[in-house]
Amino acid sequence: MISTSNLTLRFGSRILFENVNILFSPGNCYGLIGANGAGKSVFLKILSGEIDPTAGQVSIAARKRIAVLKQNHFEFDDFKVLETVIMGHKRLYDIMLEKNSIYEKSDFSDEDGVRAGELECEFAELNGWEAESQAGSILNCVGIKAELYDTKMSELSGRYSPAG
């Protein structure tokens, strides 16, 4: 669960938003809409902790996290849809890449074994074994079907229609 309490953001004398109180309940999907420049991206940056509000606070339930992807979606063109969602949890994705790199070595050393063990522990702490199913749930929530999970992001255009 994520909530905000009296969240306010000002830039000088300009108030972008003021006293925002919202509760995002588990199991629901939410959309944020508004005109260009209304503060949608800034609001999400506050939720993720990337920037601080002028006033108020964001509360995230214990043992929960927020994962974030950059807004430039073309950056992900060469990645599969499911992998792109997992990239939103940067540390988890970095661990996955490093683990794969170690396990693919033909000259696996004792040091590699120790490092792999450390990574496996952190991977488990971050609930990494559930990452694909959680990413699938997110995609399903926004209407992207399982048969598209292994499709490259660049190939989605024209194949995906939220209404269809």
N, C-alpha and C. Protein backbone atom coordinates (compact mmCIF):
# COMPACT_ATOMS: atom_id res chain seq x y z
N MET A 1 0.83 -1.17 0.00
CA MET A 1 0.00 0.00 0.00
C MET A 1 0.89 1.25 0.00
N ILE A 2 0.49 2.20 -0.79
CA ILE A 2 1.18 3.49 -0.86
C ILE A 2 0.15 4.57 -0.57
N SER A 3 0.54 5.54 0.23
CA SER A 3 -0.36 6.66 0.49
C SER A 3 0.43 7.95 0.55
N THR A 4 -0.28 9.04 0.33
CA THR A 4 0.32 10.36 0.50
C THR A 4 -0.51 11.14 1.50
N SER A 5 0.15 12.02 2.20
CA SER A 5 -0.52 12.84 3.21
C SER A 5 -0.10 14.29 3.01
N ASN A 6 -1.05 15.12 2.62
CA ASN A 6 -0.83 16.56 2.44
C ASN A 6 0.36 16.86 1.54
N LEU A 7 0.52 16.08 0.49
CA LEU A 7 1.65 16.23 -0.43
C LEU A 7 1.51 17.52 -1.23
N THR A 8 2.54 18.34 -1.18
CA THR A 8 2.54 19.63 -1.85
C THR A 8 3.86 19.80 -2.58
N LEU A 9 3.79 20.39 -3.77
CA LEU A 9 5.01 20.73 -4.50
C LEU A 9 4.85 22.12 -5.09
N ARG A 10 5.82 22.95 -4.76
CA ARG A 10 5.86 24.32 -5.28
C ARG A 10 7.20 24.55 -5.96
N PHE A 11 7.15 25.33 -7.01
CA PHE A 11 8.36 25.83 -7.67
C PHE A 11 8.30 27.34 -7.54
N GLY A 12 9.00 27.89 -6.57
CA GLY A 12 8.90 29.33 -6.29
C GLY A 12 7.49 29.63 -5.83
N SER A 13 6.83 30.56 -6.49
CA SER A 13 5.47 30.91 -6.11
C SER A 13 4.43 30.04 -6.83
N ARG A 14 4.88 29.24 -7.80
CA ARG A 14 3.96 28.39 -8.56
C ARG A 14 3.67 27.10 -7.78
N ILE A 15 2.40 26.84 -7.54
CA ILE A 15 1.97 25.62 -6.87
C ILE A 15 1.61 24.60 -7.94
N LEU A 16 2.36 23.49 -7.98
CA LEU A 16 2.07 22.44 -8.96
C LEU A 16 0.90 21.59 -8.46
N PHE A 17 0.95 21.19 -7.20
CA PHE A 17 -0.18 20.55 -6.54
C PHE A 17 -0.04 20.78 -5.04
N GLU A 18 -1.18 20.70 -4.34
CA GLU A 18 -1.19 21.07 -2.93
C GLU A 18 -2.12 20.14 -2.15
N ASN A 19 -1.62 19.70 -0.99
CA ASN A 19 -2.39 18.87 -0.05
C ASN A 19 -3.03 17.65 -0.71
N VAL A 20 -2.24 16.91 -1.46
CA VAL A 20 -2.74 15.71 -2.11
C VAL A 20 -2.73 14.56 -1.10
N ASN A 21 -3.89 13.99 -0.89
CA ASN A 21 -4.06 12.84 0.00
C ASN A 21 -4.66 11.72 -0.83
N ILE A 22 -3.93 10.63 -0.94
CA ILE A 22 -4.40 9.52 -1.77
C ILE A 22 -3.92 8.21 -1.17
N LEU A 23 -4.70 7.18 -1.37
CA LEU A 23 -4.36 5.84 -0.91
C LEU A 23 -4.43 4.90 -2.10
N PHE A 24 -3.32 4.28 -2.44
CA PHE A 24 -3.28 3.27 -3.50
C PHE A 24 -3.38 1.92 -2.81
N SER A 25 -4.50 1.25 -3.00
CA SER A 25 -4.77 -0.02 -2.33
C SER A 25 -4.21 -1.19 -3.13
N PRO A 26 -3.76 -2.24 -2.43
CA PRO A 26 -3.24 -3.43 -3.12
C PRO A 26 -4.30 -4.08 -3.99
N GLY A 27 -3.85 -4.64 -5.10
CA GLY A 27 -4.74 -5.36 -6.00
C GLY A 27 -5.44 -4.50 -7.03
N ASN A 28 -5.22 -3.21 -7.00
CA ASN A 28 -5.84 -2.31 -7.96
C ASN A 28 -4.80 -1.74 -8.90
N CYS A 29 -5.23 -1.38 -10.11
CA CYS A 29 -4.37 -0.69 -11.07
C CYS A 29 -4.85 0.76 -11.13
N TYR A 30 -3.90 1.67 -11.20
CA TYR A 30 -4.23 3.09 -11.21
C TYR A 30 -3.61 3.75 -12.42
N GLY A 31 -4.28 4.76 -12.92
CA GLY A 31 -3.75 5.58 -14.00
C GLY A 31 -3.70 7.02 -13.54
N LEU A 32 -2.74 7.74 -14.03
CA LEU A 32 -2.58 9.15 -13.68
C LEU A 32 -2.71 9.94 -14.98
N ILE A 33 -3.74 10.76 -15.07
CA ILE A 33 -3.97 11.53 -16.29
C ILE A 33 -3.96 13.01 -15.97
N GLY A 34 -3.63 13.79 -16.97
CA GLY A 34 -3.62 15.24 -16.83
C GLY A 34 -2.96 15.87 -18.03
N ALA A 35 -3.12 17.16 -18.15
CA ALA A 35 -2.53 17.90 -19.26
C ALA A 35 -1.01 17.90 -19.18
N ASN A 36 -0.36 18.17 -20.31
CA ASN A 36 1.09 18.33 -20.30
C ASN A 36 1.47 19.42 -19.32
N GLY A 37 2.48 19.15 -18.50
CA GLY A 37 2.94 20.14 -17.54
C GLY A 37 2.14 20.19 -16.25
N ALA A 38 1.16 19.30 -16.10
CA ALA A 38 0.32 19.31 -14.91
C ALA A 38 1.03 18.74 -13.68
N GLY A 39 2.11 17.99 -13.90
CA GLY A 39 2.88 17.46 -12.78
C GLY A 39 2.79 15.96 -12.60
N LYS A 40 2.30 15.23 -13.60
CA LYS A 40 2.17 13.77 -13.49
C LYS A 40 3.51 13.10 -13.24
N SER A 41 4.51 13.40 -14.07
CA SER A 41 5.83 12.78 -13.92
C SER A 41 6.48 13.20 -12.62
N VAL A 42 6.31 14.44 -12.25
CA VAL A 42 6.89 14.94 -11.00
C VAL A 42 6.24 14.23 -9.81
N PHE A 43 4.93 14.04 -9.85
CA PHE A 43 4.23 13.32 -8.79
C PHE A 43 4.79 11.91 -8.64
N LEU A 44 5.00 11.21 -9.77
CA LEU A 44 5.56 9.87 -9.72
C LEU A 44 6.99 9.87 -9.20
N LYS A 45 7.76 10.90 -9.53
CA LYS A 45 9.12 11.00 -9.01
C LYS A 45 9.11 11.21 -7.49
N ILE A 46 8.12 11.91 -6.99
CA ILE A 46 7.99 12.07 -5.54
C ILE A 46 7.62 10.73 -4.91
N LEU A 47 6.66 10.01 -5.51
CA LEU A 47 6.28 8.71 -4.97
C LEU A 47 7.46 7.76 -4.90
N SER A 48 8.32 7.80 -5.91
CA SER A 48 9.47 6.88 -5.97
C SER A 48 10.64 7.35 -5.13
N GLY A 49 10.56 8.56 -4.58
CA GLY A 49 11.65 9.07 -3.75
C GLY A 49 12.75 9.75 -4.53
N GLU A 50 12.56 9.91 -5.84
CA GLU A 50 13.58 10.55 -6.66
C GLU A 50 13.71 12.03 -6.33
N ILE A 51 12.60 12.68 -6.04
CA ILE A 51 12.64 14.08 -5.60
C ILE A 51 11.77 14.23 -4.35
N ASP A 52 12.04 15.26 -3.59
CA ASP A 52 11.31 15.51 -2.35
C ASP A 52 10.20 16.53 -2.58
N PRO A 53 9.07 16.33 -1.89
CA PRO A 53 8.01 17.32 -2.00
C PRO A 53 8.35 18.56 -1.18
N THR A 54 7.66 19.64 -1.42
CA THR A 54 7.81 20.85 -0.62
C THR A 54 7.27 20.60 0.78
N ALA A 55 6.15 19.85 0.85
CA ALA A 55 5.53 19.52 2.14
C ALA A 55 4.80 18.19 1.99
N GLY A 56 4.45 17.60 3.12
CA GLY A 56 3.72 16.34 3.13
C GLY A 56 4.65 15.15 3.08
N GLN A 57 4.05 13.97 3.01
CA GLN A 57 4.88 12.76 3.00
C GLN A 57 4.24 11.65 2.19
N VAL A 58 5.11 10.72 1.79
CA VAL A 58 4.70 9.51 1.09
C VAL A 58 4.98 8.36 2.04
N SER A 59 4.02 7.46 2.18
CA SER A 59 4.19 6.28 3.04
C SER A 59 4.04 5.03 2.19
N ILE A 60 4.99 4.13 2.35
CA ILE A 60 4.97 2.85 1.64
C ILE A 60 4.96 1.76 2.70
N ALA A 61 4.05 0.81 2.54
CA ALA A 61 3.92 -0.28 3.50
C ALA A 61 5.25 -1.01 3.68
N ALA A 62 5.48 -1.52 4.86
CA ALA A 62 6.70 -2.27 5.17
C ALA A 62 6.87 -3.42 4.19
N ARG A 63 8.10 -3.65 3.77
CA ARG A 63 8.47 -4.74 2.87
C ARG A 63 7.87 -4.59 1.47
N LYS A 64 7.48 -3.37 1.11
CA LYS A 64 6.99 -3.08 -0.23
C LYS A 64 7.97 -2.13 -0.90
N ARG A 65 7.92 -2.07 -2.23
CA ARG A 65 8.84 -1.21 -2.96
C ARG A 65 8.13 -0.64 -4.17
N ILE A 66 8.73 0.40 -4.69
CA ILE A 66 8.27 0.99 -5.94
C ILE A 66 9.36 0.76 -6.97
N ALA A 67 8.98 0.27 -8.13
CA ALA A 67 9.92 0.09 -9.23
C ALA A 67 9.59 1.12 -10.30
N VAL A 68 10.61 1.63 -10.96
CA VAL A 68 10.43 2.74 -11.90
C VAL A 68 11.20 2.48 -13.18
N LEU A 69 10.54 2.74 -14.31
CA LEU A 69 11.20 2.74 -15.61
C LEU A 69 11.29 4.17 -16.10
N LYS A 70 12.35 4.48 -16.82
CA LYS A 70 12.51 5.82 -17.37
C LYS A 70 11.40 6.09 -18.39
N GLN A 71 11.08 7.34 -18.57
CA GLN A 71 9.99 7.73 -19.44
C GLN A 71 10.32 7.53 -20.92
N ASN A 72 11.59 7.52 -21.29
CA ASN A 72 12.00 7.34 -22.69
C ASN A 72 11.86 5.87 -23.06
N HIS A 73 10.67 5.48 -23.52
CA HIS A 73 10.41 4.08 -23.80
C HIS A 73 11.25 3.53 -24.95
N PHE A 74 11.79 4.37 -25.84
CA PHE A 74 12.62 3.89 -26.94
C PHE A 74 13.92 3.27 -26.42
N GLU A 75 14.28 3.61 -25.22
CA GLU A 75 15.47 3.06 -24.58
C GLU A 75 15.35 1.54 -24.40
N PHE A 76 14.13 1.02 -24.42
CA PHE A 76 13.88 -0.39 -24.14
C PHE A 76 13.52 -1.19 -25.38
N ASP A 77 13.65 -0.59 -26.57
CA ASP A 77 13.23 -1.23 -27.82
C ASP A 77 13.79 -2.63 -28.02
N ASP A 78 15.04 -2.87 -27.62
CA ASP A 78 15.68 -4.16 -27.88
C ASP A 78 15.45 -5.19 -26.78
N PHE A 79 14.63 -4.85 -25.79
CA PHE A 79 14.38 -5.77 -24.69
C PHE A 79 12.98 -6.37 -24.80
N LYS A 80 12.83 -7.56 -24.26
CA LYS A 80 11.53 -8.22 -24.24
C LYS A 80 10.61 -7.50 -23.26
N VAL A 81 9.32 -7.60 -23.49
CA VAL A 81 8.32 -6.90 -22.68
C VAL A 81 8.46 -7.27 -21.21
N LEU A 82 8.49 -8.56 -20.89
CA LEU A 82 8.58 -8.99 -19.49
C LEU A 82 9.87 -8.50 -18.84
N GLU A 83 10.97 -8.60 -19.55
CA GLU A 83 12.27 -8.14 -19.05
C GLU A 83 12.24 -6.64 -18.77
N THR A 84 11.58 -5.89 -19.61
CA THR A 84 11.50 -4.44 -19.44
C THR A 84 10.79 -4.09 -18.13
N VAL A 85 9.74 -4.81 -17.82
CA VAL A 85 9.04 -4.55 -16.56
C VAL A 85 9.96 -4.86 -15.38
N ILE A 86 10.69 -5.95 -15.44
CA ILE A 86 11.61 -6.32 -14.36
C ILE A 86 12.70 -5.26 -14.21
N MET A 87 13.08 -4.62 -15.30
CA MET A 87 14.11 -3.56 -15.24
C MET A 87 13.68 -2.40 -14.33
N GLY A 88 12.39 -2.28 -14.10
CA GLY A 88 11.90 -1.23 -13.21
C GLY A 88 12.45 -1.35 -11.81
N HIS A 89 12.84 -2.55 -11.41
CA HIS A 89 13.52 -2.76 -10.12
C HIS A 89 15.00 -2.91 -10.44
N LYS A 90 15.67 -1.79 -10.52
CA LYS A 90 17.04 -1.75 -11.03
C LYS A 90 17.99 -2.70 -10.32
N ARG A 91 17.97 -2.71 -9.01
CA ARG A 91 18.91 -3.57 -8.27
C ARG A 91 18.66 -5.04 -8.58
N LEU A 92 17.41 -5.45 -8.59
CA LEU A 92 17.08 -6.84 -8.89
C LEU A 92 17.56 -7.20 -10.30
N TYR A 93 17.30 -6.32 -11.25
CA TYR A 93 17.71 -6.59 -12.63
C TYR A 93 19.24 -6.67 -12.75
N ASP A 94 19.94 -5.77 -12.07
CA ASP A 94 21.41 -5.80 -12.09
C ASP A 94 21.95 -7.11 -11.52
N ILE A 95 21.31 -7.60 -10.46
CA ILE A 95 21.72 -8.88 -9.86
C ILE A 95 21.50 -10.00 -10.87
N MET A 96 20.36 -9.99 -11.53
CA MET A 96 20.07 -11.03 -12.53
C MET A 96 21.12 -11.05 -13.63
N LEU A 97 21.50 -9.88 -14.12
CA LEU A 97 22.51 -9.80 -15.17
C LEU A 97 23.86 -10.32 -14.68
N GLU A 98 24.26 -9.89 -13.48
CA GLU A 98 25.56 -10.33 -12.94
C GLU A 98 25.58 -11.83 -12.69
N LYS A 99 24.49 -12.37 -12.14
CA LYS A 99 24.40 -13.82 -11.91
C LYS A 99 24.55 -14.57 -13.22
N ASN A 100 23.80 -14.15 -14.24
CA ASN A 100 23.87 -14.82 -15.54
C ASN A 100 25.27 -14.77 -16.11
N SER A 101 25.93 -13.63 -15.97
CA SER A 101 27.29 -13.47 -16.47
C SER A 101 28.25 -14.44 -15.78
N ILE A 102 28.11 -14.58 -14.48
CA ILE A 102 28.97 -15.50 -13.73
C ILE A 102 28.71 -16.94 -14.15
N TYR A 103 27.44 -17.33 -14.21
CA TYR A 103 27.09 -18.72 -14.53
C TYR A 103 27.44 -19.11 -15.96
N GLU A 104 27.58 -18.13 -16.85
CA GLU A 104 27.94 -18.42 -18.23
C GLU A 104 29.45 -18.58 -18.44
N LYS A 105 30.24 -18.27 -17.42
CA LYS A 105 31.69 -18.36 -17.55
C LYS A 105 32.14 -19.80 -17.77
N SER A 106 33.10 -19.95 -18.65
CA SER A 106 33.67 -21.29 -18.86
C SER A 106 34.77 -21.57 -17.84
N ASP A 107 35.33 -20.51 -17.25
CA ASP A 107 36.41 -20.66 -16.26
C ASP A 107 35.92 -20.19 -14.89
N PHE A 108 34.87 -20.79 -14.40
CA PHE A 108 34.23 -20.46 -13.12
C PHE A 108 35.22 -20.69 -11.99
N SER A 109 35.55 -19.63 -11.23
CA SER A 109 36.54 -19.72 -10.16
C SER A 109 35.86 -19.80 -8.79
N ASP A 110 36.68 -20.03 -7.75
CA ASP A 110 36.17 -20.03 -6.39
C ASP A 110 35.57 -18.66 -6.04
N GLU A 111 36.24 -17.58 -6.49
CA GLU A 111 35.73 -16.24 -6.26
C GLU A 111 34.37 -16.04 -6.93
N ASP A 112 34.23 -16.60 -8.13
CA ASP A 112 32.94 -16.53 -8.82
C ASP A 112 31.87 -17.24 -8.02
N GLY A 113 32.21 -18.37 -7.43
CA GLY A 113 31.26 -19.11 -6.62
C GLY A 113 30.81 -18.33 -5.40
N VAL A 114 31.77 -17.66 -4.76
CA VAL A 114 31.45 -16.83 -3.59
C VAL A 114 30.53 -15.69 -4.00
N ARG A 115 30.90 -15.01 -5.10
CA ARG A 115 30.09 -13.89 -5.57
C ARG A 115 28.69 -14.36 -5.97
N ALA A 116 28.61 -15.48 -6.64
CA ALA A 116 27.31 -16.02 -7.04
C ALA A 116 26.45 -16.30 -5.81
N GLY A 117 27.06 -16.83 -4.76
CA GLY A 117 26.34 -17.09 -3.51
C GLY A 117 25.80 -15.81 -2.89
N GLU A 118 26.63 -14.77 -2.89
CA GLU A 118 26.19 -13.48 -2.35
C GLU A 118 25.01 -12.93 -3.16
N LEU A 119 25.14 -13.03 -4.48
CA LEU A 119 24.07 -12.53 -5.35
C LEU A 119 22.79 -13.33 -5.17
N GLU A 120 22.91 -14.64 -5.02
CA GLU A 120 21.73 -15.49 -4.81
C GLU A 120 21.00 -15.11 -3.52
N CYS A 121 21.75 -14.79 -2.48
CA CYS A 121 21.13 -14.38 -1.21
C CYS A 121 20.37 -13.07 -1.39
N GLU A 122 21.00 -12.10 -2.02
CA GLU A 122 20.34 -10.81 -2.22
C GLU A 122 19.14 -10.96 -3.17
N PHE A 123 19.29 -11.80 -4.17
CA PHE A 123 18.20 -12.08 -5.12
C PHE A 123 16.99 -12.62 -4.37
N ALA A 124 17.22 -13.56 -3.47
CA ALA A 124 16.13 -14.14 -2.68
C ALA A 124 15.51 -13.10 -1.75
N GLU A 125 16.33 -12.25 -1.12
CA GLU A 125 15.83 -11.20 -0.23
C GLU A 125 14.92 -10.22 -0.98
N LEU A 126 15.23 -10.00 -2.25
CA LEU A 126 14.43 -9.08 -3.08
C LEU A 126 13.25 -9.78 -3.75
N ASN A 127 13.01 -11.03 -3.34
CA ASN A 127 11.90 -11.81 -3.89
C ASN A 127 12.07 -12.04 -5.39
N GLY A 128 13.31 -12.22 -5.80
CA GLY A 128 13.63 -12.39 -7.22
C GLY A 128 12.98 -13.57 -7.89
N TRP A 129 12.72 -14.64 -7.12
CA TRP A 129 12.12 -15.83 -7.72
C TRP A 129 10.68 -15.57 -8.14
N GLU A 130 10.08 -14.50 -7.63
CA GLU A 130 8.71 -14.14 -7.99
C GLU A 130 8.67 -13.01 -9.02
N ALA A 131 9.82 -12.50 -9.44
CA ALA A 131 9.88 -11.32 -10.31
C ALA A 131 9.10 -11.51 -11.61
N GLU A 132 9.28 -12.64 -12.27
CA GLU A 132 8.59 -12.83 -13.55
C GLU A 132 7.08 -12.91 -13.36
N SER A 133 6.62 -13.61 -12.32
CA SER A 133 5.17 -13.71 -12.13
C SER A 133 4.59 -12.36 -11.70
N GLN A 134 5.34 -11.59 -10.91
CA GLN A 134 4.87 -10.25 -10.54
C GLN A 134 4.83 -9.33 -11.75
N ALA A 135 5.85 -9.41 -12.59
CA ALA A 135 5.87 -8.60 -13.82
C ALA A 135 4.70 -9.01 -14.72
N GLY A 136 4.42 -10.30 -14.80
CA GLY A 136 3.29 -10.78 -15.59
C GLY A 136 1.97 -10.24 -15.05
N SER A 137 1.85 -10.17 -13.74
CA SER A 137 0.63 -9.63 -13.13
C SER A 137 0.45 -8.16 -13.49
N ILE A 138 1.55 -7.42 -13.48
CA ILE A 138 1.49 -6.00 -13.84
C ILE A 138 1.06 -5.85 -15.30
N LEU A 139 1.67 -6.64 -16.17
CA LEU A 139 1.33 -6.56 -17.59
C LEU A 139 -0.13 -6.96 -17.82
N ASN A 140 -0.56 -8.00 -17.14
CA ASN A 140 -1.94 -8.43 -17.27
C ASN A 140 -2.90 -7.33 -16.80
N CYS A 141 -2.51 -6.64 -15.74
CA CYS A 141 -3.34 -5.57 -15.19
C CYS A 141 -3.55 -4.44 -16.19
N VAL A 142 -2.56 -4.20 -17.03
CA VAL A 142 -2.70 -3.13 -18.03
C VAL A 142 -3.14 -3.67 -19.39
N GLY A 143 -3.53 -4.94 -19.44
CA GLY A 143 -4.12 -5.50 -20.64
C GLY A 143 -3.16 -6.09 -21.64
N ILE A 144 -1.92 -6.34 -21.25
CA ILE A 144 -0.96 -6.97 -22.17
C ILE A 144 -0.97 -8.47 -21.89
N LYS A 145 -1.30 -9.24 -22.91
CA LYS A 145 -1.48 -10.68 -22.78
C LYS A 145 -0.15 -11.42 -22.73
N ALA A 146 -0.16 -12.59 -22.09
CA ALA A 146 1.04 -13.40 -21.87
C ALA A 146 1.76 -13.74 -23.17
N GLU A 147 1.04 -13.90 -24.27
CA GLU A 147 1.71 -14.26 -25.53
C GLU A 147 2.62 -13.15 -26.05
N LEU A 148 2.51 -11.95 -25.47
CA LEU A 148 3.38 -10.83 -25.89
C LEU A 148 4.58 -10.63 -24.97
N TYR A 149 4.68 -11.37 -23.89
CA TYR A 149 5.75 -11.16 -22.90
C TYR A 149 7.15 -11.33 -23.48
N ASP A 150 7.31 -12.24 -24.44
CA ASP A 150 8.63 -12.47 -25.03
C ASP A 150 8.87 -11.66 -26.30
N THR A 151 7.95 -10.78 -26.62
CA THR A 151 8.07 -9.90 -27.79
C THR A 151 8.97 -8.72 -27.43
N LYS A 152 9.80 -8.30 -28.37
CA LYS A 152 10.61 -7.10 -28.12
C LYS A 152 9.70 -5.88 -28.06
N MET A 153 10.07 -4.95 -27.23
CA MET A 153 9.27 -3.73 -27.07
C MET A 153 9.06 -3.03 -28.40
N SER A 154 10.08 -3.00 -29.25
CA SER A 154 9.97 -2.31 -30.54
C SER A 154 8.94 -2.96 -31.45
N GLU A 155 8.61 -4.22 -31.20
CA GLU A 155 7.66 -4.94 -32.03
C GLU A 155 6.22 -4.79 -31.55
N LEU A 156 6.00 -4.14 -30.42
CA LEU A 156 4.65 -3.99 -29.89
C LEU A 156 3.81 -3.02 -30.69
N SER A 157 4.41 -1.97 -31.19
CA SER A 157 3.64 -0.95 -31.91
C SER A 157 2.86 -1.60 -33.03
N GLY A 158 1.57 -1.35 -33.06
CA GLY A 158 0.72 -1.93 -34.08
C GLY A 158 0.18 -3.30 -33.72
N ARG A 159 0.80 -3.99 -32.78
CA ARG A 159 0.33 -5.32 -32.36
C ARG A 159 -0.50 -5.25 -31.10
N TYR A 160 -0.32 -4.17 -30.36
CA TYR A 160 -0.99 -4.07 -29.07
C TYR A 160 -2.02 -2.96 -29.10
N SER A 161 -3.19 -3.28 -28.71
CA SER A 161 -4.25 -2.30 -28.59
C SER A 161 -4.96 -2.55 -27.27
N PRO A 162 -4.93 -1.59 -26.34
CA PRO A 162 -5.54 -1.81 -25.03
C PRO A 162 -7.01 -2.22 -25.15
N ALA A 163 -7.68 -1.75 -26.18
CA ALA A 163 -9.11 -2.07 -26.32
C ALA A 163 -9.32 -3.46 -26.89
N GLY A 164 -8.29 -4.00 -27.54
CA GLY A 164 -8.48 -5.27 -28.23
C GLY A 164 -7.85 -6.39 -27.52
